[in-house]
Amino acid sequence: MIYTQEVNNMCSVRKGAYHGPAPIPEEGKWIQVKEIKDVSGFTHGIGWCAPQQGACKLTLNIKNGIIEEALVETLGCSGMTHSAAMASEILIGKTLLEALNTDLVCDAINTAMRELFLQIVYGRSQSAFSENGLAVGASLEDLGKGLRSQIGTMFATKLKGPRYLEMAEGYVTRVALNKDEEIIGYEFINLGKMMDFIKKGDSADEALKKAKGHYGQFDNAAKYIDPRKE
């Protein structure tokens, strides 16, 4: 350690009591975080790239400072999906600090990592008041049956109005309109369920029928349209 002459010429003054950092809630306990290994928690964060053409939702489950589980979901950029594949391999097993200072390939994923770091070191994790935290694998609950990200995709123009393309239930095949040409419901295919049926031996046609459903006043529509063609 090198000190300036001004510091060397100073007399010593002892500081008062040291109480340590303020405790933060972690998995049902109040913890004074002094080292990365003191950090545990489960949380989500959103990141975006510089041109803001894509976004990443990152979910991490951290135990004793180590990333034990990572769920990387991306939207809006084709290259980002490949970056997510690499990030899923990079993240697991790293400490929270290592992950913060690692290039996760994509700006959006890097930004999400930064946002998660801020959340979790300030005690803002989703599992802050959950005793013993969440089990590794808990992030899969966000995906539901079929393990597919929940996506909403809508398109609209002033000239032709709105089109529902993808809802939480799945891929929208038909939109139901009333006599005033207002949307009153939609038909969808749950692609996760469809693939599960096919893997169990159902034919593609049979699986398609079983995975199809509708929402709203679909049966009472005056007209049905294909939102991708009409």
Protein backbone atom coordinates (compact mmCIF):
# COMPACT_ATOMS: atom_id res chain seq x y z
CA MET A 1 0.00 0.00 0.00
CA ILE A 2 1.38 3.41 -0.95
CA TYR A 3 0.34 6.51 1.00
CA THR A 4 0.92 10.16 0.12
CA GLN A 5 3.19 12.30 2.31
CA GLU A 6 0.13 14.20 3.49
CA VAL A 7 -1.43 11.00 4.84
CA ASN A 8 1.83 9.84 6.43
CA ASN A 9 2.05 13.18 8.30
CA MET A 10 -1.42 12.76 9.81
CA CYS A 11 -1.93 11.47 13.34
CA SER A 12 -4.06 8.37 13.85
CA VAL A 13 -7.68 8.68 14.91
CA ARG A 14 -9.62 5.53 15.69
CA LYS A 15 -13.04 5.18 14.18
CA GLY A 16 -16.05 4.19 16.24
CA ALA A 17 -18.12 1.01 16.24
CA TYR A 18 -18.44 -0.97 13.03
CA HIS A 19 -21.90 -2.44 12.51
CA GLY A 20 -21.33 -3.92 9.07
CA PRO A 21 -23.62 -3.60 6.04
CA ALA A 22 -27.36 -3.32 6.41
CA PRO A 23 -28.93 -6.81 6.39
CA ILE A 24 -30.99 -7.79 3.37
CA PRO A 25 -33.73 -10.44 3.13
CA GLU A 26 -32.54 -13.69 1.56
CA GLU A 27 -34.59 -16.86 1.44
CA GLY A 28 -36.43 -16.12 4.68
CA LYS A 29 -33.39 -14.80 6.59
CA TRP A 30 -31.76 -11.42 7.19
CA ILE A 31 -28.19 -11.58 5.88
CA GLN A 32 -25.30 -9.11 6.10
CA VAL A 33 -23.65 -9.53 2.71
CA LYS A 34 -19.89 -9.10 2.94
CA GLU A 35 -18.80 -11.54 0.24
CA ILE A 36 -20.38 -12.95 -2.91
CA LYS A 37 -20.85 -16.32 -1.19
CA ASP A 38 -23.28 -14.58 1.18
CA VAL A 39 -25.76 -14.02 -1.66
CA SER A 40 -28.62 -16.41 -2.38
CA GLY A 41 -31.92 -15.91 -4.15
CA PHE A 42 -34.16 -16.50 -7.14
CA THR A 43 -35.05 -13.60 -9.40
CA HIS A 44 -35.90 -12.34 -12.90
CA GLY A 45 -34.61 -9.39 -14.90
CA ILE A 46 -35.11 -7.80 -18.31
CA GLY A 47 -32.33 -6.59 -20.59
CA TRP A 48 -32.19 -4.83 -23.95
CA CYS A 49 -29.57 -4.22 -26.61
CA ALA A 50 -28.22 -0.82 -27.67
CA PRO A 51 -30.42 -0.53 -30.79
CA GLN A 52 -33.33 -1.80 -28.64
CA GLN A 53 -34.43 -4.20 -31.34
CA GLY A 54 -34.46 -7.17 -28.98
CA ALA A 55 -34.98 -8.03 -25.33
CA CYS A 56 -33.96 -10.77 -22.91
CA LYS A 57 -35.71 -12.09 -19.83
CA LEU A 58 -33.13 -13.75 -17.59
CA THR A 59 -34.01 -15.89 -14.58
CA LEU A 60 -31.33 -17.01 -12.12
CA ASN A 61 -31.39 -19.23 -9.04
CA ILE A 62 -28.35 -18.44 -6.90
CA LYS A 63 -27.21 -20.46 -3.91
CA ASN A 64 -24.25 -19.28 -1.80
CA GLY A 65 -23.12 -16.94 -4.56
CA ILE A 66 -23.14 -19.65 -7.28
CA ILE A 67 -25.56 -19.66 -10.23
CA GLU A 68 -27.21 -23.08 -10.00
CA GLU A 69 -29.97 -22.45 -12.54
CA ALA A 70 -30.47 -20.14 -15.51
CA LEU A 71 -33.41 -19.59 -17.83
CA VAL A 72 -32.69 -17.35 -20.82
CA GLU A 73 -35.65 -16.16 -22.92
CA THR A 74 -35.17 -13.79 -25.87
CA LEU A 75 -37.44 -11.83 -28.18
CA GLY A 76 -37.15 -9.82 -31.35
CA CYS A 77 -33.69 -10.73 -32.67
CA SER A 78 -32.75 -13.93 -34.48
CA GLY A 79 -29.08 -13.72 -33.48
CA MET A 80 -30.06 -13.36 -29.85
CA THR A 81 -31.41 -16.92 -29.73
CA HIS A 82 -27.92 -18.26 -30.53
CA SER A 83 -26.42 -15.91 -27.96
CA ALA A 84 -28.88 -17.28 -25.41
CA ALA A 85 -27.73 -20.82 -26.20
CA MET A 86 -24.15 -19.85 -25.41
CA ALA A 87 -25.15 -17.83 -22.33
CA SER A 88 -26.99 -20.83 -20.87
CA GLU A 89 -23.71 -22.75 -20.94
CA ILE A 90 -21.62 -19.83 -19.71
CA LEU A 91 -23.73 -18.81 -16.71
CA ILE A 92 -24.19 -22.00 -14.73
CA GLY A 93 -21.52 -22.67 -12.12
CA LYS A 94 -20.19 -19.11 -12.10
CA THR A 95 -20.32 -16.85 -9.09
CA LEU A 96 -22.65 -13.88 -9.31
CA LEU A 97 -19.65 -11.56 -9.63
CA GLU A 98 -18.01 -13.69 -12.34
CA ALA A 99 -21.25 -13.65 -14.34
CA LEU A 100 -21.54 -9.88 -14.03
CA ASN A 101 -18.05 -9.49 -15.48
CA THR A 102 -18.41 -12.11 -18.23
CA ASP A 103 -19.33 -11.34 -21.83
CA LEU A 104 -22.65 -13.13 -22.29
CA VAL A 105 -22.40 -12.66 -26.08
CA CYS A 106 -25.42 -10.36 -26.47
CA ASP A 107 -25.93 -6.82 -25.09
CA ALA A 108 -29.48 -7.65 -24.04
CA ILE A 109 -28.34 -10.65 -21.99
CA ASN A 110 -25.49 -8.63 -20.46
CA THR A 111 -27.94 -5.89 -19.50
CA ALA A 112 -30.32 -8.42 -17.97
CA MET A 113 -27.41 -9.82 -15.94
CA ARG A 114 -26.64 -6.33 -14.66
CA GLU A 115 -30.25 -5.76 -13.64
CA LEU A 116 -30.39 -9.10 -11.81
CA PHE A 117 -27.16 -8.34 -9.99
CA LEU A 118 -28.61 -5.07 -8.71
CA GLN A 119 -31.83 -6.76 -7.61
CA ILE A 120 -30.26 -9.61 -5.74
CA VAL A 121 -27.44 -7.78 -3.93
CA TYR A 122 -29.99 -5.25 -2.65
CA GLY A 123 -32.31 -8.00 -1.39
CA ARG A 124 -35.01 -7.53 -4.02
CA SER A 125 -35.18 -11.17 -5.12
CA GLN A 126 -38.46 -13.03 -5.60
CA SER A 127 -37.46 -15.52 -2.93
CA ALA A 128 -36.45 -12.89 -0.36
CA PHE A 129 -39.04 -14.07 2.16
CA SER A 130 -39.30 -17.72 1.07
CA GLU A 131 -37.72 -19.99 3.66
CA ASN A 132 -34.82 -21.91 2.08
CA GLY A 133 -35.57 -20.22 -1.25
CA LEU A 134 -36.82 -22.00 -4.36
CA ALA A 135 -35.71 -25.42 -5.56
CA VAL A 136 -33.36 -25.58 -8.54
CA GLY A 137 -35.65 -25.99 -11.53
CA ALA A 138 -38.25 -23.51 -10.28
CA SER A 139 -37.83 -21.28 -13.35
CA LEU A 140 -39.52 -23.92 -15.51
CA GLU A 141 -42.82 -23.07 -13.82
CA ASP A 142 -42.83 -19.82 -15.82
CA LEU A 143 -42.96 -21.84 -19.01
CA GLY A 144 -45.91 -24.05 -18.11
CA LYS A 145 -46.80 -27.32 -19.81
CA GLY A 146 -44.78 -27.98 -22.92
CA LEU A 147 -41.96 -25.78 -21.60
CA ARG A 148 -42.50 -22.91 -24.04
CA SER A 149 -41.98 -19.23 -23.31
CA GLN A 150 -45.21 -17.28 -22.97
CA ILE A 151 -45.29 -14.81 -25.84
CA GLY A 152 -47.80 -12.21 -26.94
CA THR A 153 -47.51 -11.05 -30.56
CA MET A 154 -49.99 -8.54 -31.98
CA PHE A 155 -49.92 -6.50 -35.18
CA ALA A 156 -52.13 -3.52 -36.03
CA THR A 157 -52.50 -0.76 -38.60
CA LYS A 158 -54.75 2.28 -38.61
CA LEU A 159 -56.04 1.22 -42.01
CA LYS A 160 -56.89 -2.43 -41.27
CA GLY A 161 -57.02 -2.70 -37.48
CA PRO A 162 -55.52 -5.28 -35.07
CA ARG A 163 -54.41 -8.88 -35.64
CA TYR A 164 -53.77 -11.37 -32.82
CA LEU A 165 -50.87 -13.63 -33.85
CA GLU A 166 -49.69 -15.32 -30.66
CA MET A 167 -51.25 -15.42 -27.20
CA ALA A 168 -50.23 -17.07 -23.94
CA GLU A 169 -52.36 -20.08 -24.94
CA GLY A 170 -50.47 -20.50 -28.22
CA TYR A 171 -50.36 -19.81 -31.94
CA VAL A 172 -53.52 -17.99 -33.10
CA THR A 173 -55.09 -19.62 -36.15
CA ARG A 174 -58.36 -17.70 -36.45
CA VAL A 175 -59.76 -14.47 -35.05
CA ALA A 176 -63.51 -14.24 -34.43
CA LEU A 177 -65.36 -11.05 -35.41
CA ASN A 178 -68.90 -9.91 -34.63
CA LYS A 179 -71.30 -8.29 -37.11
CA ASP A 180 -69.56 -4.93 -36.49
CA GLU A 181 -66.20 -6.54 -37.40
CA GLU A 182 -64.91 -6.23 -33.84
CA ILE A 183 -62.75 -8.98 -32.31
CA ILE A 184 -64.73 -11.13 -29.87
CA GLY A 185 -62.50 -14.20 -29.59
CA TYR A 186 -59.81 -16.32 -31.17
CA GLU A 187 -58.80 -19.89 -31.92
CA PHE A 188 -55.33 -21.14 -30.99
CA ILE A 189 -53.04 -24.15 -31.11
CA ASN A 190 -50.97 -24.91 -28.03
CA LEU A 191 -47.78 -25.98 -29.80
CA GLY A 192 -46.23 -27.37 -26.61
CA LYS A 193 -49.18 -29.72 -26.06
CA MET A 194 -49.25 -30.61 -29.76
CA MET A 195 -45.63 -31.73 -29.69
CA ASP A 196 -46.26 -33.73 -26.50
CA PHE A 197 -49.13 -35.56 -28.22
CA ILE A 198 -46.96 -36.32 -31.25
CA LYS A 199 -44.13 -37.61 -29.04
CA LYS A 200 -46.64 -39.94 -27.37
CA GLY A 201 -47.54 -41.45 -30.74
CA ASP A 202 -50.49 -39.40 -31.99
CA SER A 203 -50.58 -38.52 -35.68
CA ALA A 204 -49.94 -34.88 -36.55
CA ASP A 205 -53.61 -34.35 -37.52
CA GLU A 206 -54.88 -35.93 -34.31
CA ALA A 207 -52.40 -33.97 -32.19
CA LEU A 208 -53.44 -30.75 -33.94
CA LYS A 209 -57.09 -31.32 -33.09
CA LYS A 210 -56.36 -32.18 -29.46
CA ALA A 211 -54.13 -29.13 -28.97
CA LYS A 212 -56.65 -26.70 -30.49
CA GLY A 213 -58.83 -24.46 -28.37
CA HIS A 214 -60.62 -21.13 -28.42
CA TYR A 215 -61.29 -18.16 -26.18
CA GLY A 216 -64.02 -15.55 -25.85
CA GLN A 217 -67.27 -15.59 -27.81
CA PHE A 218 -65.64 -17.62 -30.56
CA ASP A 219 -68.68 -19.82 -31.27
CA ASN A 220 -70.98 -16.81 -31.74
CA ALA A 221 -68.89 -15.02 -34.34
CA ALA A 222 -70.35 -13.57 -37.52
CA LYS A 223 -67.04 -14.03 -39.31
CA TYR A 224 -63.68 -15.75 -38.87
CA ILE A 225 -60.39 -14.54 -40.37
CA ASP A 226 -56.85 -15.89 -40.63
CA PRO A 227 -54.86 -13.07 -38.93
CA ARG A 228 -51.79 -13.80 -41.05
CA LYS A 229 -53.49 -13.68 -44.43
CA GLU A 230 -56.74 -11.72 -44.20
